[in-house]
N, C-alpha and C. Protein backbone atom coordinates (compact mmCIF):
# COMPACT_ATOMS: atom_id res chain seq x y z
N MET A 1 23.67 82.47 18.24
CA MET A 1 22.66 81.42 17.77
C MET A 1 23.07 80.15 17.85
N ALA A 2 23.41 79.81 16.50
CA ALA A 2 24.25 78.52 16.27
C ALA A 2 23.66 77.09 17.08
N ASN A 3 22.55 76.81 16.59
CA ASN A 3 21.85 75.62 17.28
C ASN A 3 22.75 74.45 16.77
N ILE A 4 23.30 73.68 17.90
CA ILE A 4 23.83 72.42 17.69
C ILE A 4 23.14 71.36 17.93
N ILE A 5 23.02 70.64 17.16
CA ILE A 5 22.23 69.31 17.21
C ILE A 5 23.09 68.03 17.49
N SER A 6 22.76 67.21 18.49
CA SER A 6 23.53 66.42 18.76
C SER A 6 23.25 65.05 17.91
N ASP A 7 24.19 64.22 17.93
CA ASP A 7 24.06 62.88 17.05
C ASP A 7 22.85 61.97 17.65
N GLU A 8 22.83 62.13 18.83
CA GLU A 8 21.55 61.21 19.62
C GLU A 8 20.19 61.92 19.31
N THR A 9 20.07 63.30 19.12
CA THR A 9 18.89 63.85 18.37
C THR A 9 18.63 63.41 17.01
N ILE A 10 19.63 63.44 16.11
CA ILE A 10 19.42 63.09 14.88
C ILE A 10 19.01 61.56 14.77
N GLU A 11 19.48 60.63 15.76
CA GLU A 11 19.31 59.10 15.78
C GLU A 11 17.98 59.07 16.01
N TYR A 12 17.47 59.77 17.13
CA TYR A 12 16.07 59.74 17.71
C TYR A 12 14.91 60.17 16.66
N VAL A 13 15.15 61.40 15.81
CA VAL A 13 14.67 61.76 14.68
C VAL A 13 14.42 60.70 13.80
N GLY A 14 15.51 60.10 13.32
CA GLY A 14 15.32 59.10 12.31
C GLY A 14 14.64 57.87 12.84
N ILE A 15 14.60 57.53 14.25
CA ILE A 15 14.04 56.34 14.67
C ILE A 15 12.41 56.51 14.71
N LEU A 16 12.09 58.03 14.87
CA LEU A 16 10.70 58.46 14.79
C LEU A 16 10.24 58.45 13.38
N ALA A 17 10.99 58.58 12.30
CA ALA A 17 10.74 58.84 11.17
C ALA A 17 10.75 57.41 10.46
N LYS A 18 11.26 56.50 11.03
CA LYS A 18 11.66 55.54 10.47
C LYS A 18 12.45 55.30 9.18
N LEU A 19 13.41 56.10 9.48
CA LEU A 19 14.66 56.31 8.53
C LEU A 19 15.79 55.72 8.79
N GLU A 20 16.42 55.02 7.74
CA GLU A 20 17.91 54.78 7.95
C GLU A 20 18.73 55.60 7.29
N LEU A 21 19.47 56.44 8.22
CA LEU A 21 20.41 57.39 7.52
C LEU A 21 22.10 57.11 7.34
N SER A 22 22.53 57.34 6.48
CA SER A 22 23.86 57.10 6.47
C SER A 22 24.69 58.11 7.15
N ASP A 23 25.89 57.94 7.47
CA ASP A 23 26.65 59.06 8.44
C ASP A 23 26.55 60.33 7.45
N GLU A 24 27.06 60.42 6.24
CA GLU A 24 26.84 61.47 5.43
C GLU A 24 25.28 62.21 5.67
N GLU A 25 24.35 61.35 5.58
CA GLU A 25 22.87 61.96 5.62
C GLU A 25 22.63 62.42 7.21
N LYS A 26 23.08 61.98 8.04
CA LYS A 26 23.17 62.41 9.32
C LYS A 26 23.79 63.61 9.79
N GLU A 27 24.76 63.92 8.92
CA GLU A 27 25.76 65.25 9.00
C GLU A 27 24.87 66.37 8.56
N LYS A 28 24.27 65.81 7.18
CA LYS A 28 23.59 66.88 6.39
C LYS A 28 22.16 67.46 7.20
N ALA A 29 21.47 66.23 7.90
CA ALA A 29 20.44 66.49 8.59
C ALA A 29 20.73 67.22 9.90
N LYS A 30 21.80 67.12 10.49
CA LYS A 30 22.26 67.99 11.66
C LYS A 30 22.31 69.53 11.22
N ALA A 31 22.90 69.54 10.06
CA ALA A 31 23.09 70.99 9.47
C ALA A 31 21.73 71.78 9.16
N ASP A 32 20.92 70.95 8.69
CA ASP A 32 19.46 71.59 7.85
C ASP A 32 18.78 71.72 9.28
N MET A 33 18.82 70.86 10.48
CA MET A 33 18.00 71.16 11.54
C MET A 33 18.50 72.38 12.47
N GLY A 34 19.87 72.36 12.28
CA GLY A 34 20.44 73.71 12.78
C GLY A 34 19.86 74.90 12.43
N LYS A 35 19.97 74.90 11.04
CA LYS A 35 19.57 76.06 10.20
C LYS A 35 18.25 76.33 10.41
N MET A 36 17.29 75.40 10.44
CA MET A 36 15.79 75.73 10.80
C MET A 36 15.76 76.18 12.17
N LEU A 37 16.45 75.71 13.24
CA LEU A 37 16.27 76.29 14.44
C LEU A 37 16.91 77.67 14.42
N ASP A 38 18.01 77.95 13.78
CA ASP A 38 18.40 79.29 13.89
C ASP A 38 17.29 80.33 13.19
N TYR A 39 16.62 79.96 12.21
CA TYR A 39 15.54 80.58 11.52
C TYR A 39 14.33 81.02 12.38
N ILE A 40 14.09 80.06 13.30
CA ILE A 40 12.98 80.08 14.03
C ILE A 40 13.38 81.03 15.41
N ASP A 41 14.73 80.69 15.75
CA ASP A 41 15.23 81.95 16.77
C ASP A 41 15.05 83.57 16.08
N LYS A 42 15.50 83.37 15.03
CA LYS A 42 15.60 84.80 14.37
C LYS A 42 14.14 85.32 14.13
N LEU A 43 12.99 84.42 13.74
CA LEU A 43 11.63 84.87 13.94
C LEU A 43 11.37 85.25 15.19
N ASN A 44 11.70 84.65 16.17
CA ASN A 44 11.39 85.01 17.61
C ASN A 44 11.71 86.59 18.03
N GLU A 45 12.71 87.08 17.24
CA GLU A 45 13.30 88.30 17.51
C GLU A 45 12.34 89.37 17.22
N LEU A 46 11.28 88.92 16.30
CA LEU A 46 10.64 90.01 15.63
C LEU A 46 9.33 90.39 16.69
N ASP A 47 9.20 91.73 16.60
CA ASP A 47 8.11 92.19 17.52
C ASP A 47 6.91 92.15 16.80
N THR A 48 6.08 91.21 17.42
CA THR A 48 4.56 90.99 16.76
C THR A 48 3.60 91.66 17.70
N SER A 49 3.83 92.20 18.71
CA SER A 49 2.90 92.86 19.74
C SER A 49 1.66 93.43 18.85
N SER A 50 1.90 94.19 17.85
CA SER A 50 0.66 95.01 17.19
C SER A 50 0.05 94.02 15.98
N VAL A 51 0.47 92.91 15.96
CA VAL A 51 -0.04 91.99 14.99
C VAL A 51 -1.27 91.13 15.47
N GLU A 52 -2.48 91.28 15.01
CA GLU A 52 -3.33 90.48 15.26
C GLU A 52 -3.44 89.18 15.10
N PRO A 53 -3.39 88.15 16.02
CA PRO A 53 -3.64 86.72 15.72
C PRO A 53 -4.53 86.48 14.96
N MET A 54 -4.25 85.37 14.06
CA MET A 54 -5.29 84.76 12.95
C MET A 54 -5.24 83.37 12.88
N SER A 55 -6.22 83.00 12.36
CA SER A 55 -6.32 81.27 12.39
C SER A 55 -5.88 80.74 11.16
N HIS A 56 -6.08 81.68 10.04
CA HIS A 56 -6.01 81.39 8.63
C HIS A 56 -5.19 82.70 7.84
N VAL A 57 -4.46 82.37 7.02
CA VAL A 57 -3.87 83.45 6.14
C VAL A 57 -4.77 84.04 5.42
N PHE A 58 -5.63 83.51 4.77
CA PHE A 58 -6.74 84.19 3.94
C PHE A 58 -8.06 84.27 4.94
N PRO A 59 -8.98 85.25 4.55
CA PRO A 59 -10.27 85.21 5.40
C PRO A 59 -11.31 83.92 4.92
N VAL A 60 -11.64 83.67 5.94
CA VAL A 60 -12.62 82.18 5.78
C VAL A 60 -14.00 82.58 6.05
N SER A 61 -14.79 82.38 5.08
CA SER A 61 -16.28 82.64 5.60
C SER A 61 -17.05 81.15 5.24
N ASN A 62 -18.07 81.19 5.99
CA ASN A 62 -19.18 79.86 5.88
C ASN A 62 -19.33 79.54 4.35
N VAL A 63 -18.98 78.63 3.99
CA VAL A 63 -19.29 78.01 2.41
C VAL A 63 -20.41 77.14 2.42
N PHE A 64 -21.05 76.94 3.53
CA PHE A 64 -22.44 76.10 3.44
C PHE A 64 -23.40 76.67 2.95
N ARG A 65 -24.25 75.81 2.24
CA ARG A 65 -25.48 76.69 1.74
C ARG A 65 -26.78 76.17 2.49
N GLU A 66 -27.73 76.53 2.24
CA GLU A 66 -29.10 76.15 2.88
C GLU A 66 -29.32 74.74 2.27
N ASP A 67 -29.84 73.72 2.98
CA ASP A 67 -30.36 72.70 2.69
C ASP A 67 -31.77 72.69 2.20
N VAL A 68 -31.91 72.77 0.92
CA VAL A 68 -33.45 72.85 0.46
C VAL A 68 -33.60 72.03 -0.78
N VAL A 69 -34.71 71.15 -0.50
CA VAL A 69 -35.14 70.26 -1.43
C VAL A 69 -35.72 70.82 -2.72
N THR A 70 -35.15 70.43 -3.71
CA THR A 70 -35.21 70.74 -5.17
C THR A 70 -36.13 69.79 -5.99
N ASN A 71 -35.89 68.59 -5.88
CA ASN A 71 -36.58 67.64 -6.45
C ASN A 71 -37.83 66.96 -6.13
N GLY A 72 -38.16 67.17 -5.03
CA GLY A 72 -39.38 66.67 -4.24
C GLY A 72 -39.44 65.28 -4.30
N ASP A 73 -40.95 64.79 -4.15
CA ASP A 73 -40.90 63.36 -3.88
C ASP A 73 -41.47 63.05 -5.48
N ASP A 74 -40.53 62.10 -6.14
CA ASP A 74 -41.00 61.79 -7.38
C ASP A 74 -40.90 60.34 -7.60
N ARG A 75 -41.20 59.83 -6.57
CA ARG A 75 -41.39 58.06 -6.57
C ARG A 75 -42.25 57.56 -7.69
N ASP A 76 -43.04 58.06 -7.92
CA ASP A 76 -43.98 57.34 -9.07
C ASP A 76 -43.26 57.44 -10.25
N ASN A 77 -42.67 58.44 -10.89
CA ASN A 77 -41.73 58.48 -11.91
C ASN A 77 -40.38 57.52 -11.92
N ILE A 78 -39.92 57.70 -10.64
CA ILE A 78 -38.69 56.80 -10.33
C ILE A 78 -39.15 55.42 -10.65
N LEU A 79 -40.40 54.84 -10.12
CA LEU A 79 -40.47 53.55 -9.91
C LEU A 79 -41.19 52.90 -11.51
N LYS A 80 -41.06 54.04 -12.44
CA LYS A 80 -41.46 53.45 -13.98
C LYS A 80 -40.31 52.81 -14.33
N ASN A 81 -39.21 53.22 -13.77
CA ASN A 81 -38.09 52.50 -14.32
C ASN A 81 -37.75 50.91 -13.81
N ALA A 82 -38.52 50.51 -12.87
CA ALA A 82 -38.20 49.54 -12.10
C ALA A 82 -38.70 48.36 -12.69
N PRO A 83 -38.17 47.16 -12.74
CA PRO A 83 -38.62 45.94 -13.40
C PRO A 83 -39.53 45.46 -12.57
N GLU A 84 -39.47 45.59 -11.52
CA GLU A 84 -40.48 45.08 -10.44
C GLU A 84 -40.74 45.91 -9.26
N GLU A 85 -41.98 46.26 -8.78
CA GLU A 85 -42.16 47.21 -7.91
C GLU A 85 -43.21 46.73 -6.77
N ARG A 86 -43.30 46.84 -5.62
CA ARG A 86 -44.13 46.48 -4.29
C ARG A 86 -43.97 47.34 -3.54
N ASP A 87 -45.44 48.00 -3.08
CA ASP A 87 -45.68 48.89 -2.04
C ASP A 87 -44.77 50.17 -2.17
N GLY A 88 -44.71 50.96 -3.26
CA GLY A 88 -43.84 51.98 -3.47
C GLY A 88 -42.37 51.70 -3.35
N ALA A 89 -41.77 50.68 -3.44
CA ALA A 89 -40.41 50.28 -3.49
C ALA A 89 -40.07 49.33 -4.61
N PHE A 90 -38.86 49.26 -4.70
CA PHE A 90 -38.13 48.32 -5.87
C PHE A 90 -37.99 46.95 -5.19
N VAL A 91 -38.40 46.07 -5.94
CA VAL A 91 -38.11 44.61 -5.68
C VAL A 91 -36.87 44.11 -6.24
N VAL A 92 -35.98 43.62 -5.58
CA VAL A 92 -34.69 43.20 -5.86
C VAL A 92 -34.64 41.81 -5.32
N PRO A 93 -33.52 41.07 -6.27
CA PRO A 93 -33.28 39.51 -5.88
C PRO A 93 -32.72 39.55 -4.32
N LYS A 94 -33.01 38.57 -3.82
CA LYS A 94 -32.37 38.03 -2.37
C LYS A 94 -30.74 38.09 -2.53
N THR A 95 -30.10 38.45 -1.78
CA THR A 95 -28.63 38.33 -1.73
C THR A 95 -28.10 37.24 -0.79
N PHE A 96 -29.14 36.71 0.13
CA PHE A 96 -28.81 35.59 1.16
C PHE A 96 -29.98 35.18 1.66
N GLU A 97 -29.95 33.96 1.94
CA GLU A 97 -31.06 33.17 2.40
C GLU A 97 -31.06 33.25 3.88
N GLU A 98 -32.49 33.32 4.57
CA GLU A 98 -32.38 33.54 6.01
C GLU A 98 -32.39 32.11 6.78
């Protein structure tokens, strides 16, 4: 297997990630990336023909609830707190002149 990562590849990945890597960091990154690719190659050797594809590791069910109004129209009670009210609405100070 032994995936060999070129210096150009590390430079390109560094540019994409907006990283400035020292020579030592580039060598470590090459080794780490090679190990990751070796691991992926190892995983590709597995026989997964009998494994059912899945989109999530855990079972997912619909978590939405029915949209049911529980407090109803309580306008009169709410407007009792208004300092000023007109036509069933709060009256507020103007924030800009027309």
